[in-house]
Amino acid sequence: MSPMAEILKNFPEIADGASESRLKGVRFFKETKHVPREPMVYDPGIYIVAQGYKIACLGGLKFRYDADHYLVTSVAMPLECEIFASPEEPLRGMVIDIDMPQLHDLIGQLGLQADIRAAGEKGLPCGIGPAAMDEDMAHAAARLVKCLRSEAETRILGPGLVREILYRALCGAQASVLYSLAMHSGAFSQVAHALKVLQNHYAEKIDVEQLAGAARMSASAFHRAFKEITSDSPIQYLKKIRLTKARDLMLQEGLKAYLAADRVGYESSSQFSREFKRYFGQSPADMVRESRSA
């Protein structure tokens, strides 16, 4: 068992699902049962697993992240994920938000601006990917979790350890994902801006052509770059965001399907139900019924 898993095992009880830590921008996650492959949205961050593992699928890509591989994502990504866990061997880990001022400061101190430009010239990276967990990253993660048990250590040591983990990620195999996030110009930055618009205004009527214009790109270039980064077209991406948000509203707030559909921007509840079943593999009613009987 990894040092981080040992610390989490003796941590104050963490419920299944996601939970806040003492430090803003750091959250724990835990699952004690196998969760079949299902769609979800991953927010930008560094995902570190201490125990158990996940298999993530994005378009034609399939990758595993576990105690030996952490995950870096630079933009909100809809993907499908399967969780492998049990009461005896739970999935345990944490996710660390990417602090942009810290990222820019580290890139400046490390003199990585030339690397960023070179990475940009090679083409657009996918917005998500796994990296091998080396000894330095593993030790930094374990020290961060350990300090989060104490209010004083969280306040004094926590920010520095988060910065160290971001630094370690910049030295890892997915550094290009972080480079692309830090770029102030170029296609990745323009698409990232469009992704934020979609995330913040998904319930509104969105004209993809206008979105391309706002990104200062032609419609064809925008579609091509968008798909390179997310593996989806803008319309597919928006649909996945809406459906995932609607599912959360039904499960977490108890909204009826037609109300959740309206809240996320669907004008037709029948179209919503069809697309929901196609995406999640079950109707809204079946999903709610299953969650209540679980």
Protein backbone atom coordinates (compact mmCIF):
# COMPACT_ATOMS: atom_id res chain seq x y z
CA MET A 1 0.00 0.00 0.00
CA SER A 2 1.33 3.45 -0.93
CA PRO A 3 2.25 5.99 1.81
CA MET A 4 -0.65 8.21 0.70
CA ALA A 5 -3.09 5.28 0.97
CA GLU A 6 -1.83 4.46 4.48
CA ILE A 7 -2.43 8.05 5.59
CA LEU A 8 -5.91 8.18 4.00
CA LYS A 9 -6.80 4.84 5.60
CA ASN A 10 -6.31 6.40 9.04
CA PHE A 11 -7.78 9.76 8.04
CA PRO A 12 -10.98 11.01 9.67
CA GLU A 13 -13.84 9.21 7.92
CA ILE A 14 -14.35 10.28 4.31
CA ALA A 15 -17.72 9.46 2.76
CA ASP A 16 -18.11 7.97 -0.71
CA GLY A 17 -18.05 10.54 -3.48
CA ALA A 18 -16.21 13.89 -3.43
CA SER A 19 -15.57 15.88 -0.25
CA GLU A 20 -13.79 19.12 0.55
CA SER A 21 -10.51 19.11 2.44
CA ARG A 22 -9.29 21.78 4.85
CA LEU A 23 -7.44 23.48 1.99
CA LYS A 24 -9.35 25.34 -0.70
CA GLY A 25 -8.78 23.80 -4.11
CA VAL A 26 -8.03 20.31 -2.77
CA ARG A 27 -10.77 17.67 -2.59
CA PHE A 28 -10.83 14.01 -1.63
CA PHE A 29 -12.69 11.28 -3.49
CA LYS A 30 -13.60 7.79 -2.38
CA GLU A 31 -15.65 4.84 -3.64
CA THR A 32 -16.19 1.50 -1.89
CA LYS A 33 -17.88 -0.32 -4.78
CA HIS A 34 -17.39 -1.02 -8.45
CA VAL A 35 -19.04 1.64 -10.62
CA PRO A 36 -19.71 0.50 -14.21
CA ARG A 37 -18.57 2.69 -17.07
CA GLU A 38 -20.65 5.86 -17.13
CA PRO A 39 -20.38 9.38 -18.57
CA MET A 40 -19.07 12.18 -16.37
CA VAL A 41 -17.32 15.54 -16.65
CA TYR A 42 -13.80 16.05 -15.31
CA ASP A 43 -12.92 19.61 -14.32
CA PRO A 44 -9.36 20.95 -14.80
CA GLY A 45 -7.01 19.59 -12.16
CA ILE A 46 -4.43 17.02 -11.09
CA TYR A 47 -6.07 13.75 -10.05
CA ILE A 48 -4.00 11.52 -7.76
CA VAL A 49 -5.16 8.00 -6.84
CA ALA A 50 -3.76 6.34 -3.73
CA GLN A 51 -5.67 3.05 -3.94
CA GLY A 52 -7.97 1.35 -6.45
CA TYR A 53 -8.09 2.51 -10.06
CA LYS A 54 -10.20 3.99 -12.84
CA ILE A 55 -10.40 3.30 -16.56
CA ALA A 56 -11.26 6.41 -18.57
CA CYS A 57 -12.41 6.48 -22.21
CA LEU A 58 -12.32 9.54 -24.43
CA GLY A 59 -13.20 9.08 -28.07
CA GLY A 60 -10.90 6.32 -29.27
CA LEU A 61 -8.52 6.75 -26.31
CA LYS A 62 -8.59 4.48 -23.27
CA PHE A 63 -6.31 4.91 -20.28
CA ARG A 64 -5.95 3.77 -16.69
CA TYR A 65 -4.98 5.90 -13.74
CA ASP A 66 -4.10 4.45 -10.37
CA ALA A 67 -1.44 4.63 -7.64
CA ASP A 68 1.22 4.45 -10.37
CA HIS A 69 -0.34 7.03 -12.72
CA TYR A 70 -1.85 10.42 -11.94
CA LEU A 71 -4.11 12.32 -14.34
CA VAL A 72 -3.77 15.90 -15.61
CA THR A 73 -6.68 17.69 -17.27
CA SER A 74 -6.49 21.27 -18.52
CA VAL A 75 -10.08 21.86 -19.67
CA ALA A 76 -13.46 20.49 -18.59
CA MET A 77 -13.69 17.11 -20.32
CA PRO A 78 -16.76 14.89 -20.77
CA LEU A 79 -15.57 11.28 -20.78
CA GLU A 80 -16.69 7.83 -19.73
CA CYS A 81 -15.16 6.28 -16.65
CA GLU A 82 -15.30 2.92 -14.84
CA ILE A 83 -14.31 2.69 -11.16
CA PHE A 84 -12.72 -0.45 -9.75
CA ALA A 85 -13.13 -0.57 -5.96
CA SER A 86 -14.56 -2.67 -3.14
CA PRO A 87 -15.16 -2.25 0.63
CA GLU A 88 -11.90 -4.13 1.23
CA GLU A 89 -9.97 -2.17 -1.43
CA PRO A 90 -11.65 1.25 -1.78
CA LEU A 91 -10.78 3.83 -4.38
CA ARG A 92 -9.09 6.69 -2.50
CA GLY A 93 -7.46 9.84 -3.80
CA MET A 94 -7.54 13.58 -4.20
CA VAL A 95 -7.91 16.20 -6.90
CA ILE A 96 -5.99 19.48 -6.88
CA ASP A 97 -7.27 22.48 -8.80
CA ILE A 98 -4.73 24.16 -11.09
CA ASP A 99 -3.92 27.63 -9.78
CA MET A 100 -3.18 29.76 -12.85
CA PRO A 101 -1.02 32.44 -11.13
CA GLN A 102 1.08 29.63 -9.58
CA LEU A 103 1.36 27.88 -12.94
CA HIS A 104 2.56 31.04 -14.72
CA ASP A 105 5.00 31.82 -11.91
CA LEU A 106 6.53 28.33 -12.02
CA ILE A 107 6.81 28.40 -15.81
CA GLY A 108 8.60 31.76 -15.55
CA GLN A 109 10.99 30.55 -12.84
CA LEU A 110 11.75 27.35 -14.73
CA GLY A 111 12.30 29.24 -17.99
CA LEU A 112 9.84 27.03 -19.85
CA GLN A 113 8.51 29.68 -22.21
CA ALA A 114 10.55 28.26 -25.11
CA ASP A 115 9.24 24.76 -24.35
CA ILE A 116 5.68 26.11 -24.44
CA ARG A 117 6.25 27.69 -27.84
CA ALA A 118 7.83 24.48 -29.14
CA ALA A 119 4.92 22.41 -27.81
CA GLY A 120 2.47 24.74 -29.53
CA GLU A 121 4.27 24.31 -32.85
CA LYS A 122 3.92 20.52 -32.65
CA GLY A 123 0.13 20.72 -32.72
CA LEU A 124 -2.70 20.74 -30.20
CA PRO A 125 -2.45 18.30 -27.29
CA CYS A 126 -5.48 16.44 -26.00
CA GLY A 127 -6.80 18.28 -22.94
CA ILE A 128 -6.34 15.27 -20.65
CA GLY A 129 -3.80 12.49 -20.09
CA PRO A 130 -2.09 10.22 -17.52
CA ALA A 131 1.52 10.50 -16.32
CA ALA A 132 3.71 8.05 -14.43
CA MET A 133 3.77 8.62 -10.67
CA ASP A 134 7.43 9.06 -9.82
CA GLU A 135 8.88 8.93 -6.32
CA ASP A 136 9.05 12.71 -5.90
CA MET A 137 5.39 13.23 -6.86
CA ALA A 138 4.30 10.34 -4.61
CA HIS A 139 6.15 11.79 -1.62
CA ALA A 140 4.77 15.28 -2.22
CA ALA A 141 1.21 13.92 -2.43
CA ALA A 142 1.63 11.91 0.79
CA ARG A 143 3.02 14.94 2.63
CA LEU A 144 0.08 17.07 1.46
CA VAL A 145 -2.48 14.53 2.68
CA LYS A 146 -0.64 14.21 5.99
CA CYS A 147 -0.63 17.97 6.58
CA LEU A 148 -4.37 18.17 5.83
CA ARG A 149 -5.10 16.31 9.09
CA SER A 150 -4.08 19.44 11.03
CA GLU A 151 -5.60 22.91 10.77
CA ALA A 152 -2.26 24.57 11.55
CA GLU A 153 -0.24 22.43 9.13
CA THR A 154 -2.84 22.93 6.42
CA ARG A 155 -2.54 26.70 6.80
CA ILE A 156 1.27 26.79 7.05
CA LEU A 157 2.44 23.89 4.86
CA GLY A 158 -0.49 23.18 2.53
CA PRO A 159 -0.02 25.96 -0.08
CA GLY A 160 3.67 25.14 -0.49
CA LEU A 161 2.94 21.43 -1.00
CA VAL A 162 0.28 22.20 -3.61
CA ARG A 163 2.88 24.34 -5.40
CA GLU A 164 5.37 21.46 -5.24
CA ILE A 165 2.84 19.06 -6.79
CA LEU A 166 2.18 21.52 -9.62
CA TYR A 167 5.95 21.79 -10.13
CA ARG A 168 6.27 17.98 -10.22
CA ALA A 169 3.48 17.81 -12.82
CA LEU A 170 5.38 20.37 -14.94
CA CYS A 171 8.30 17.94 -14.87
CA GLY A 172 6.13 14.96 -15.84
CA ALA A 173 4.86 13.36 -19.03
CA GLN A 174 1.77 15.57 -19.24
CA ALA A 175 3.67 18.86 -18.99
CA SER A 176 2.41 19.74 -22.48
CA VAL A 177 -1.17 19.72 -21.16
CA LEU A 178 -0.16 22.34 -18.58
CA TYR A 179 1.88 24.28 -21.14
CA SER A 180 -1.16 24.53 -23.37
CA LEU A 181 -3.26 25.77 -20.47
CA ALA A 182 -0.71 28.50 -19.79
CA MET A 183 -0.58 29.74 -23.38
CA HIS A 184 -2.03 33.23 -23.75
CA SER A 185 -2.47 32.87 -27.51
CA GLY A 186 -2.89 30.21 -30.10
CA ALA A 187 -5.66 27.77 -30.95
CA PHE A 188 -5.63 25.94 -27.60
CA SER A 189 -6.13 29.17 -25.67
CA GLN A 190 -8.93 30.23 -28.04
CA VAL A 191 -10.73 26.90 -27.73
CA ALA A 192 -10.22 26.94 -23.94
CA HIS A 193 -12.00 30.29 -23.88
CA ALA A 194 -14.89 28.78 -25.87
CA LEU A 195 -15.04 25.84 -23.45
CA LYS A 196 -15.42 28.23 -20.52
CA VAL A 197 -18.28 29.96 -22.35
CA LEU A 198 -19.98 26.60 -22.88
CA GLN A 199 -19.43 25.63 -19.23
CA ASN A 200 -20.85 28.90 -17.91
CA HIS A 201 -23.72 29.35 -20.39
CA TYR A 202 -24.67 25.78 -21.32
CA ALA A 203 -28.39 26.44 -20.59
CA GLU A 204 -28.56 29.32 -23.07
CA LYS A 205 -29.06 29.19 -26.83
CA ILE A 206 -25.53 28.94 -28.22
CA ASP A 207 -24.67 29.61 -31.84
CA VAL A 208 -21.52 27.65 -32.67
CA GLU A 209 -20.67 29.99 -35.54
CA GLN A 210 -20.76 32.95 -33.16
CA LEU A 211 -18.68 30.93 -30.69
CA ALA A 212 -16.05 30.42 -33.39
CA GLY A 213 -16.13 34.15 -34.10
CA ALA A 214 -15.64 34.93 -30.41
CA ALA A 215 -12.62 32.60 -30.48
CA ARG A 216 -11.31 34.63 -33.45
CA MET A 217 -11.25 31.53 -35.66
CA SER A 218 -12.99 30.48 -38.85
CA ALA A 219 -15.79 27.97 -38.33
CA SER A 220 -13.82 25.13 -39.96
CA ALA A 221 -10.61 25.85 -37.99
CA PHE A 222 -12.62 26.14 -34.77
CA HIS A 223 -14.37 22.78 -35.30
CA ARG A 224 -11.09 21.08 -36.16
CA ALA A 225 -9.20 22.47 -33.13
CA PHE A 226 -12.13 21.84 -30.79
CA LYS A 227 -12.24 18.17 -31.75
CA GLU A 228 -8.47 17.74 -31.45
CA ILE A 229 -8.60 18.96 -27.85
CA THR A 230 -11.86 17.40 -26.60
CA SER A 231 -12.47 14.52 -29.07
CA ASP A 232 -15.99 15.98 -29.56
CA SER A 233 -17.58 18.50 -31.87
CA PRO A 234 -18.87 21.66 -30.11
CA ILE A 235 -22.48 20.38 -30.38
CA GLN A 236 -21.57 16.96 -28.97
CA TYR A 237 -19.63 18.61 -26.13
CA LEU A 238 -22.54 20.93 -25.27
CA LYS A 239 -24.99 18.02 -25.31
CA LYS A 240 -22.80 16.00 -22.90
CA ILE A 241 -22.46 18.97 -20.54
CA ARG A 242 -26.23 19.56 -20.53
CA LEU A 243 -27.09 15.90 -19.97
CA THR A 244 -24.55 15.53 -17.16
CA LYS A 245 -25.81 18.70 -15.44
CA ALA A 246 -29.41 17.48 -15.77
CA ARG A 247 -28.49 14.12 -14.22
CA ASP A 248 -26.90 15.92 -11.28
CA LEU A 249 -30.01 18.07 -10.81
CA MET A 250 -32.24 14.98 -10.72
CA LEU A 251 -30.04 12.98 -8.37
CA GLN A 252 -28.81 15.74 -6.08
CA GLU A 253 -31.76 18.15 -6.02
CA GLY A 254 -34.61 15.75 -6.77
CA LEU A 255 -35.83 17.65 -9.85
CA LYS A 256 -38.30 15.98 -12.19
CA ALA A 257 -36.87 15.12 -15.60
CA TYR A 258 -38.84 17.78 -17.48
CA LEU A 259 -37.74 20.47 -15.01
CA ALA A 260 -34.09 19.39 -15.21
CA ALA A 261 -34.34 19.38 -19.01
CA ASP A 262 -35.68 22.92 -19.02
CA ARG A 263 -33.05 24.08 -16.52
CA VAL A 264 -30.17 22.93 -18.75
CA GLY A 265 -31.55 24.37 -21.97
CA TYR A 266 -33.69 21.68 -23.61
CA GLU A 267 -36.86 22.96 -25.26
CA SER A 268 -38.29 19.47 -25.83
CA SER A 269 -38.59 17.04 -22.90
CA SER A 270 -39.10 14.11 -25.31
CA GLN A 271 -35.85 14.96 -27.11
CA PHE A 272 -34.14 15.24 -23.72
CA SER A 273 -35.38 11.77 -22.69
CA ARG A 274 -34.21 10.21 -25.96
CA GLU A 275 -30.75 11.75 -25.77
CA PHE A 276 -30.45 11.01 -22.04
CA LYS A 277 -31.16 7.30 -22.61
CA ARG A 278 -28.76 7.18 -25.54
CA TYR A 279 -25.97 8.77 -23.47
CA PHE A 280 -26.49 7.12 -20.07
CA GLY A 281 -27.99 3.82 -21.22
CA GLN A 282 -31.21 4.26 -19.22
CA SER A 283 -34.16 6.62 -19.08
CA PRO A 284 -34.29 9.46 -16.52
CA ALA A 285 -37.06 7.61 -14.64
CA ASP A 286 -35.06 4.36 -14.52
CA MET A 287 -31.98 6.20 -13.30
CA VAL A 288 -33.86 7.92 -10.46
CA ARG A 289 -35.59 4.65 -9.51
CA GLU A 290 -32.27 2.81 -9.42
CA SER A 291 -30.60 5.50 -7.29
CA ARG A 292 -33.44 5.37 -4.74
CA SER A 293 -33.22 1.59 -4.40
CA ALA A 294 -29.44 1.58 -4.05
